[in-house]
């Protein structure tokens, strides 16, 4: 696994974080969200709040085309992990996950239908806790809580 340079994201990264999350979601979760419009404003507002929260660490990797990967975590939860689709299978998701876990993340929420992410988490020994909730974005698919062993 090649190590990339991760840097702490700042307030001026909010739009790029939203755009990376949108691209990864529209590519990897089209079977869940279909042709529904992406909630750009709501997701951007969420990123602004996360970047302003001193208890949340948001880290990114970038290349000459912009953000390539992101991870957001606090002392107990992996909140977000995304990789630009042209960098999938390059180890960045694993790196972001390991960074969050090393910082204390022991739980996360993932869409039940996100088999790619679930396989990653399970490869580290994490498993569903048995708790589910409704995703806040239409069509409101089920999210599954995962916990560290």
N, C-alpha and C. Protein backbone atom coordinates (compact mmCIF):
# COMPACT_ATOMS: atom_id res chain seq x y z
N UNK A 1 0.85 -1.18 0.00
CA UNK A 1 0.00 0.00 0.00
C UNK A 1 0.90 1.24 0.00
N UNK A 2 0.74 2.05 -1.02
CA UNK A 2 1.50 3.29 -1.12
C UNK A 2 0.91 4.32 -0.15
N UNK A 3 1.78 5.05 0.55
CA UNK A 3 1.30 6.07 1.46
C UNK A 3 1.24 7.41 0.73
N UNK A 4 0.14 8.09 0.86
CA UNK A 4 -0.04 9.41 0.26
C UNK A 4 0.08 10.46 1.35
N UNK A 5 0.16 11.70 0.93
CA UNK A 5 0.22 12.81 1.87
C UNK A 5 -1.21 13.23 2.19
N UNK A 6 -1.59 13.02 3.44
CA UNK A 6 -2.90 13.47 3.93
C UNK A 6 -2.68 14.81 4.61
N UNK A 7 -3.58 15.73 4.39
CA UNK A 7 -3.51 17.02 5.07
C UNK A 7 -4.85 17.32 5.71
N UNK A 8 -4.81 18.16 6.72
CA UNK A 8 -6.04 18.59 7.41
C UNK A 8 -6.80 19.52 6.48
N UNK A 9 -8.08 19.29 6.31
CA UNK A 9 -8.93 20.14 5.48
C UNK A 9 -9.34 21.38 6.26
N UNK A 10 -9.56 22.46 5.54
CA UNK A 10 -10.01 23.71 6.13
C UNK A 10 -11.32 24.16 5.53
N UNK A 11 -11.84 25.27 6.03
CA UNK A 11 -13.14 25.78 5.59
C UNK A 11 -13.19 26.00 4.08
N UNK A 12 -12.07 26.36 3.48
CA UNK A 12 -12.07 26.62 2.04
C UNK A 12 -12.13 25.33 1.22
N UNK A 13 -12.13 24.16 1.87
CA UNK A 13 -12.25 22.88 1.19
C UNK A 13 -13.70 22.37 1.12
N UNK A 14 -14.64 23.08 1.71
CA UNK A 14 -16.01 22.58 1.83
C UNK A 14 -16.62 22.21 0.48
N UNK A 15 -16.49 23.06 -0.51
CA UNK A 15 -17.09 22.78 -1.83
C UNK A 15 -16.42 21.55 -2.45
N UNK A 16 -15.11 21.46 -2.35
CA UNK A 16 -14.40 20.31 -2.92
C UNK A 16 -14.78 19.02 -2.21
N UNK A 17 -15.00 19.07 -0.90
CA UNK A 17 -15.44 17.89 -0.14
C UNK A 17 -16.82 17.46 -0.61
N UNK A 18 -17.72 18.42 -0.76
CA UNK A 18 -19.07 18.11 -1.25
C UNK A 18 -19.00 17.50 -2.64
N UNK A 19 -18.16 18.08 -3.51
CA UNK A 19 -18.07 17.60 -4.89
C UNK A 19 -17.49 16.18 -4.96
N UNK A 20 -16.48 15.90 -4.14
CA UNK A 20 -15.92 14.54 -4.11
C UNK A 20 -16.96 13.55 -3.59
N UNK A 21 -17.64 13.93 -2.53
CA UNK A 21 -18.67 13.04 -1.99
C UNK A 21 -19.76 12.79 -3.02
N UNK A 22 -20.17 13.83 -3.75
CA UNK A 22 -21.20 13.68 -4.79
C UNK A 22 -20.74 12.71 -5.87
N UNK A 23 -19.53 12.89 -6.38
CA UNK A 23 -19.03 12.03 -7.45
C UNK A 23 -18.94 10.58 -7.00
N UNK A 24 -18.40 10.35 -5.81
CA UNK A 24 -18.29 8.98 -5.30
C UNK A 24 -19.67 8.36 -5.08
N UNK A 25 -20.61 9.15 -4.56
CA UNK A 25 -21.97 8.64 -4.32
C UNK A 25 -22.70 8.35 -5.62
N UNK A 26 -22.62 9.27 -6.56
CA UNK A 26 -23.34 9.07 -7.82
C UNK A 26 -22.77 7.90 -8.61
N UNK A 27 -21.48 7.65 -8.46
CA UNK A 27 -20.86 6.54 -9.17
C UNK A 27 -21.11 5.21 -8.46
N UNK A 28 -20.85 5.17 -7.18
CA UNK A 28 -20.93 3.92 -6.44
C UNK A 28 -22.28 3.56 -5.88
N UNK A 29 -23.19 4.55 -5.80
CA UNK A 29 -24.50 4.29 -5.19
C UNK A 29 -25.65 4.63 -6.12
N UNK A 30 -25.39 4.63 -7.43
CA UNK A 30 -26.45 4.91 -8.40
C UNK A 30 -27.60 3.93 -8.25
N UNK A 31 -27.30 2.69 -7.84
CA UNK A 31 -28.34 1.69 -7.65
C UNK A 31 -29.24 2.02 -6.45
N UNK A 32 -28.81 2.92 -5.59
CA UNK A 32 -29.60 3.32 -4.43
C UNK A 32 -30.37 4.62 -4.71
N UNK A 33 -29.64 5.62 -5.22
CA UNK A 33 -30.23 6.95 -5.37
C UNK A 33 -30.77 7.24 -6.76
N UNK A 34 -30.42 6.42 -7.75
CA UNK A 34 -30.97 6.57 -9.10
C UNK A 34 -30.76 7.97 -9.65
N UNK A 35 -31.82 8.50 -10.22
CA UNK A 35 -31.78 9.82 -10.86
C UNK A 35 -32.22 10.96 -9.93
N UNK A 36 -32.35 10.69 -8.66
CA UNK A 36 -32.74 11.74 -7.73
C UNK A 36 -31.69 12.85 -7.73
N UNK A 37 -32.11 14.10 -7.61
CA UNK A 37 -31.12 15.18 -7.56
C UNK A 37 -30.27 15.06 -6.29
N UNK A 38 -28.99 15.36 -6.44
CA UNK A 38 -28.09 15.31 -5.30
C UNK A 38 -28.38 16.50 -4.38
N UNK A 39 -28.42 16.29 -3.06
CA UNK A 39 -28.74 17.37 -2.11
C UNK A 39 -27.54 18.30 -1.88
N UNK A 40 -27.08 18.97 -2.94
CA UNK A 40 -25.86 19.79 -2.88
C UNK A 40 -25.83 20.76 -1.71
N UNK A 41 -26.89 21.55 -1.55
CA UNK A 41 -26.88 22.58 -0.50
C UNK A 41 -26.82 21.98 0.90
N UNK A 42 -27.59 20.92 1.11
CA UNK A 42 -27.60 20.28 2.43
C UNK A 42 -26.25 19.62 2.75
N UNK A 43 -25.65 18.97 1.76
CA UNK A 43 -24.37 18.32 1.98
C UNK A 43 -23.27 19.37 2.20
N UNK A 44 -23.33 20.46 1.45
CA UNK A 44 -22.35 21.54 1.65
C UNK A 44 -22.48 22.14 3.05
N UNK A 45 -23.70 22.34 3.51
CA UNK A 45 -23.93 22.87 4.86
C UNK A 45 -23.39 21.90 5.92
N UNK A 46 -23.58 20.60 5.69
CA UNK A 46 -23.06 19.60 6.63
C UNK A 46 -21.54 19.66 6.68
N UNK A 47 -20.87 19.79 5.52
CA UNK A 47 -19.41 19.90 5.51
C UNK A 47 -18.94 21.15 6.24
N UNK A 48 -19.64 22.26 6.05
CA UNK A 48 -19.25 23.50 6.75
C UNK A 48 -19.32 23.29 8.26
N UNK A 49 -20.36 22.62 8.73
CA UNK A 49 -20.48 22.34 10.17
C UNK A 49 -19.36 21.42 10.66
N UNK A 50 -19.07 20.38 9.90
CA UNK A 50 -18.02 19.45 10.31
C UNK A 50 -16.66 20.14 10.35
N UNK A 51 -16.37 20.96 9.35
CA UNK A 51 -15.08 21.66 9.31
C UNK A 51 -14.94 22.66 10.44
N UNK A 52 -16.06 23.15 10.94
CA UNK A 52 -16.06 24.13 12.03
C UNK A 52 -16.06 23.47 13.41
N UNK A 53 -16.26 22.16 13.46
CA UNK A 53 -16.34 21.43 14.73
C UNK A 53 -14.94 21.02 15.17
N UNK A 54 -14.43 21.56 16.29
CA UNK A 54 -13.07 21.22 16.73
C UNK A 54 -12.90 19.75 17.12
N UNK A 55 -13.99 19.04 17.34
CA UNK A 55 -13.91 17.63 17.70
C UNK A 55 -13.85 16.69 16.51
N UNK A 56 -13.98 17.25 15.32
CA UNK A 56 -13.96 16.44 14.10
C UNK A 56 -12.69 16.73 13.31
N UNK A 57 -12.03 15.67 12.89
CA UNK A 57 -10.85 15.78 12.04
C UNK A 57 -11.26 15.41 10.62
N UNK A 58 -11.04 16.33 9.68
CA UNK A 58 -11.30 16.06 8.27
C UNK A 58 -9.95 16.12 7.56
N UNK A 59 -9.60 15.03 6.91
CA UNK A 59 -8.32 14.94 6.22
C UNK A 59 -8.56 14.59 4.76
N UNK A 60 -7.69 15.07 3.89
CA UNK A 60 -7.84 14.86 2.46
C UNK A 60 -6.50 14.53 1.81
N UNK A 61 -6.59 13.92 0.64
CA UNK A 61 -5.47 13.71 -0.27
C UNK A 61 -5.89 14.37 -1.56
N UNK A 62 -4.93 15.02 -2.22
CA UNK A 62 -5.28 15.67 -3.48
C UNK A 62 -4.22 15.42 -4.54
N UNK A 63 -4.61 15.63 -5.77
CA UNK A 63 -3.68 15.59 -6.88
C UNK A 63 -3.90 16.85 -7.71
N UNK A 64 -3.34 16.91 -8.90
CA UNK A 64 -3.46 18.12 -9.70
C UNK A 64 -4.87 18.38 -10.21
N UNK A 65 -5.79 17.41 -10.05
CA UNK A 65 -7.19 17.58 -10.47
C UNK A 65 -8.12 17.87 -9.30
N UNK A 66 -7.58 17.92 -8.08
CA UNK A 66 -8.41 18.21 -6.92
C UNK A 66 -8.35 17.11 -5.88
N UNK A 67 -9.38 17.05 -5.05
CA UNK A 67 -9.39 16.06 -3.97
C UNK A 67 -9.54 14.65 -4.54
N UNK A 68 -8.79 13.74 -3.95
CA UNK A 68 -8.78 12.34 -4.37
C UNK A 68 -9.46 11.47 -3.31
N UNK A 69 -9.28 11.83 -2.02
CA UNK A 69 -9.84 11.03 -0.93
C UNK A 69 -10.12 11.94 0.25
N UNK A 70 -11.06 11.51 1.07
CA UNK A 70 -11.37 12.24 2.30
C UNK A 70 -11.73 11.25 3.39
N UNK A 71 -11.44 11.66 4.60
CA UNK A 71 -11.90 10.94 5.78
C UNK A 71 -12.27 11.99 6.82
N UNK A 72 -13.36 11.74 7.52
CA UNK A 72 -13.79 12.62 8.61
C UNK A 72 -14.11 11.72 9.81
N UNK A 73 -13.54 12.05 10.95
CA UNK A 73 -13.74 11.22 12.14
C UNK A 73 -13.60 12.07 13.39
N UNK A 74 -14.19 11.54 14.46
CA UNK A 74 -14.04 12.18 15.76
C UNK A 74 -13.42 11.15 16.70
N UNK A 75 -13.51 11.32 17.94
CA UNK A 75 -12.87 10.39 18.87
C UNK A 75 -13.47 9.01 18.92
N UNK A 76 -14.63 8.81 18.31
CA UNK A 76 -15.27 7.50 18.39
C UNK A 76 -15.88 7.01 17.09
N UNK A 77 -16.13 7.89 16.14
CA UNK A 77 -16.90 7.53 14.95
C UNK A 77 -16.22 7.95 13.66
N UNK A 78 -16.19 7.04 12.69
CA UNK A 78 -15.81 7.39 11.33
C UNK A 78 -17.06 8.00 10.70
N UNK A 79 -17.02 9.27 10.39
CA UNK A 79 -18.20 9.96 9.89
C UNK A 79 -18.32 9.91 8.38
N UNK A 80 -17.21 10.00 7.68
CA UNK A 80 -17.23 10.00 6.22
C UNK A 80 -15.92 9.44 5.69
N UNK A 81 -16.04 8.70 4.59
CA UNK A 81 -14.88 8.17 3.88
C UNK A 81 -15.28 8.11 2.42
N UNK A 82 -14.51 8.76 1.56
CA UNK A 82 -14.81 8.73 0.13
C UNK A 82 -13.52 8.81 -0.66
N UNK A 83 -13.55 8.16 -1.82
CA UNK A 83 -12.42 8.18 -2.75
C UNK A 83 -12.97 8.48 -4.13
N UNK A 84 -12.27 9.33 -4.85
CA UNK A 84 -12.68 9.64 -6.22
C UNK A 84 -12.62 8.35 -7.05
N UNK A 85 -13.66 8.08 -7.82
CA UNK A 85 -13.74 6.80 -8.53
C UNK A 85 -12.53 6.45 -9.40
N UNK A 86 -11.84 7.44 -9.96
CA UNK A 86 -10.67 7.10 -10.77
C UNK A 86 -9.48 6.66 -9.92
N UNK A 87 -9.65 6.66 -8.59
CA UNK A 87 -8.61 6.17 -7.67
C UNK A 87 -9.10 4.97 -6.83
N UNK A 88 -10.27 4.43 -7.17
CA UNK A 88 -10.75 3.26 -6.46
C UNK A 88 -9.76 2.11 -6.64
N UNK A 89 -9.66 1.30 -5.64
CA UNK A 89 -8.78 0.12 -5.62
C UNK A 89 -7.30 0.48 -5.57
N UNK A 90 -6.99 1.71 -5.18
CA UNK A 90 -5.59 2.15 -5.06
C UNK A 90 -5.12 2.19 -3.61
N UNK A 91 -5.97 1.77 -2.66
CA UNK A 91 -5.58 1.73 -1.26
C UNK A 91 -5.95 2.95 -0.44
N UNK A 92 -6.52 3.97 -1.07
CA UNK A 92 -6.85 5.19 -0.33
C UNK A 92 -7.98 4.99 0.68
N UNK A 93 -8.97 4.20 0.33
CA UNK A 93 -10.04 3.91 1.28
C UNK A 93 -9.49 3.21 2.52
N UNK A 94 -8.60 2.27 2.30
CA UNK A 94 -7.96 1.56 3.40
C UNK A 94 -7.15 2.54 4.26
N UNK A 95 -6.37 3.41 3.61
CA UNK A 95 -5.58 4.38 4.35
C UNK A 95 -6.46 5.29 5.20
N UNK A 96 -7.53 5.80 4.61
CA UNK A 96 -8.43 6.69 5.35
C UNK A 96 -9.07 5.98 6.52
N UNK A 97 -9.47 4.72 6.30
CA UNK A 97 -10.08 3.94 7.36
C UNK A 97 -9.08 3.71 8.50
N UNK A 98 -7.86 3.34 8.16
CA UNK A 98 -6.82 3.10 9.18
C UNK A 98 -6.54 4.38 9.96
N UNK A 99 -6.52 5.52 9.30
CA UNK A 99 -6.29 6.80 9.98
C UNK A 99 -7.39 7.06 11.01
N UNK A 100 -8.63 6.85 10.61
CA UNK A 100 -9.76 7.07 11.52
C UNK A 100 -9.72 6.09 12.68
N UNK A 101 -9.43 4.84 12.39
CA UNK A 101 -9.36 3.83 13.44
C UNK A 101 -8.23 4.15 14.43
N UNK A 102 -7.09 4.57 13.91
CA UNK A 102 -5.95 4.91 14.79
C UNK A 102 -6.28 6.11 15.68
N UNK A 103 -7.19 6.97 15.22
CA UNK A 103 -7.59 8.15 15.99
C UNK A 103 -8.72 7.84 16.97
N UNK A 104 -9.16 6.59 17.02
CA UNK A 104 -10.16 6.21 18.01
C UNK A 104 -11.52 5.81 17.47
N UNK A 105 -11.72 5.86 16.17
CA UNK A 105 -13.02 5.48 15.61
C UNK A 105 -13.29 4.01 15.88
N UNK A 106 -14.43 3.71 16.46
CA UNK A 106 -14.82 2.34 16.77
C UNK A 106 -16.23 2.03 16.27
N UNK A 107 -16.84 2.99 15.57
CA UNK A 107 -18.16 2.76 15.00
C UNK A 107 -18.31 3.64 13.77
N UNK A 108 -19.30 3.29 12.93
CA UNK A 108 -19.61 4.06 11.73
C UNK A 108 -20.99 3.65 11.24
N UNK A 109 -21.53 4.45 10.34
CA UNK A 109 -22.79 4.14 9.68
C UNK A 109 -22.51 4.02 8.19
N UNK A 110 -23.10 3.01 7.55
CA UNK A 110 -22.92 2.77 6.12
C UNK A 110 -24.26 2.33 5.54
N UNK A 111 -24.50 2.72 4.29
CA UNK A 111 -25.72 2.27 3.64
C UNK A 111 -25.71 0.75 3.53
N UNK A 112 -26.83 0.15 3.84
CA UNK A 112 -26.95 -1.30 3.76
C UNK A 112 -26.59 -1.79 2.35
N UNK A 113 -26.92 -1.02 1.33
CA UNK A 113 -26.67 -1.40 -0.06
C UNK A 113 -25.29 -1.01 -0.58
N UNK A 114 -24.40 -0.51 0.30
CA UNK A 114 -23.06 -0.11 -0.11
C UNK A 114 -22.10 -1.27 0.13
N UNK A 115 -22.16 -2.26 -0.75
CA UNK A 115 -21.38 -3.48 -0.55
C UNK A 115 -19.88 -3.22 -0.64
N UNK A 116 -19.46 -2.27 -1.46
CA UNK A 116 -18.03 -1.97 -1.58
C UNK A 116 -17.46 -1.50 -0.22
N UNK A 117 -18.13 -0.56 0.42
CA UNK A 117 -17.68 -0.06 1.71
C UNK A 117 -17.79 -1.13 2.78
N UNK A 118 -18.87 -1.87 2.77
CA UNK A 118 -19.06 -2.91 3.79
C UNK A 118 -17.97 -3.97 3.71
N UNK A 119 -17.55 -4.32 2.50
CA UNK A 119 -16.46 -5.28 2.35
C UNK A 119 -15.16 -4.74 2.95
N UNK A 120 -14.91 -3.44 2.74
CA UNK A 120 -13.71 -2.83 3.32
C UNK A 120 -13.76 -2.93 4.83
N UNK A 121 -14.85 -2.52 5.44
CA UNK A 121 -14.95 -2.51 6.90
C UNK A 121 -14.84 -3.94 7.46
N UNK A 122 -15.48 -4.88 6.79
CA UNK A 122 -15.43 -6.26 7.25
C UNK A 122 -14.03 -6.85 7.10
N UNK A 123 -13.25 -6.36 6.14
CA UNK A 123 -11.88 -6.86 5.98
C UNK A 123 -11.01 -6.48 7.18
N UNK A 124 -11.43 -5.48 7.94
CA UNK A 124 -10.73 -5.08 9.16
C UNK A 124 -11.35 -5.71 10.40
N UNK A 125 -12.30 -6.59 10.21
CA UNK A 125 -12.91 -7.29 11.33
C UNK A 125 -14.13 -6.59 11.91
N UNK A 126 -14.51 -5.44 11.36
CA UNK A 126 -15.70 -4.75 11.85
C UNK A 126 -16.93 -5.52 11.39
N UNK A 127 -18.02 -5.37 12.14
CA UNK A 127 -19.25 -6.10 11.83
C UNK A 127 -20.46 -5.25 12.18
N UNK A 128 -21.60 -5.55 11.54
CA UNK A 128 -22.83 -4.84 11.90
C UNK A 128 -23.16 -5.06 13.37
N UNK A 129 -23.60 -3.99 14.03
CA UNK A 129 -23.94 -4.07 15.46
C UNK A 129 -25.37 -4.55 15.66
N UNK A 130 -26.15 -4.57 14.60
CA UNK A 130 -27.57 -4.92 14.71
C UNK A 130 -28.47 -3.70 14.77
N UNK A 131 -27.87 -2.50 14.80
CA UNK A 131 -28.64 -1.26 14.85
C UNK A 131 -28.72 -0.68 13.44
N UNK A 132 -29.91 -0.23 13.07
CA UNK A 132 -30.11 0.41 11.77
C UNK A 132 -30.84 1.73 11.97
N UNK A 133 -30.76 2.57 10.93
CA UNK A 133 -31.50 3.84 10.93
C UNK A 133 -31.78 4.22 9.48
N UNK A 134 -32.63 5.20 9.32
CA UNK A 134 -32.98 5.69 7.99
C UNK A 134 -31.99 6.77 7.58
N UNK A 135 -31.48 6.69 6.37
CA UNK A 135 -30.61 7.72 5.81
C UNK A 135 -31.39 9.02 5.69
N UNK A 136 -30.77 10.18 5.93
CA UNK A 136 -31.50 11.44 5.85
C UNK A 136 -31.80 11.91 4.42
N UNK A 137 -31.25 11.25 3.41
CA UNK A 137 -31.44 11.69 2.02
C UNK A 137 -32.41 10.75 1.30
N UNK A 138 -33.31 11.33 0.51
CA UNK A 138 -34.25 10.53 -0.30
C UNK A 138 -33.45 9.61 -1.22
N UNK A 139 -33.92 8.40 -1.38
CA UNK A 139 -35.18 7.78 -0.99
C UNK A 139 -35.15 7.15 0.41
N UNK A 140 -34.27 7.64 1.28
CA UNK A 140 -34.19 7.25 2.68
C UNK A 140 -33.86 5.76 2.88
N UNK A 141 -32.78 5.30 2.24
CA UNK A 141 -32.40 3.89 2.40
C UNK A 141 -31.91 3.61 3.82
N UNK A 142 -31.81 2.34 4.13
CA UNK A 142 -31.37 1.91 5.46
C UNK A 142 -29.86 2.04 5.62
N UNK A 143 -29.46 2.58 6.76
CA UNK A 143 -28.05 2.62 7.16
C UNK A 143 -27.85 1.59 8.25
N UNK A 144 -26.69 0.96 8.24
CA UNK A 144 -26.32 -0.08 9.20
C UNK A 144 -25.15 0.44 10.02
N UNK A 145 -25.24 0.28 11.34
CA UNK A 145 -24.11 0.64 12.17
C UNK A 145 -23.12 -0.52 12.19
N UNK A 146 -21.83 -0.16 12.03
CA UNK A 146 -20.74 -1.13 12.14
C UNK A 146 -19.93 -0.77 13.37
N UNK A 147 -19.36 -1.80 14.00
CA UNK A 147 -18.54 -1.59 15.19
C UNK A 147 -17.26 -2.38 15.10
N UNK A 148 -16.22 -1.84 15.71
CA UNK A 148 -14.92 -2.51 15.76
C UNK A 148 -15.03 -3.75 16.64
N UNK A 149 -14.17 -4.73 16.37
CA UNK A 149 -14.20 -5.94 17.22
C UNK A 149 -13.71 -5.65 18.63
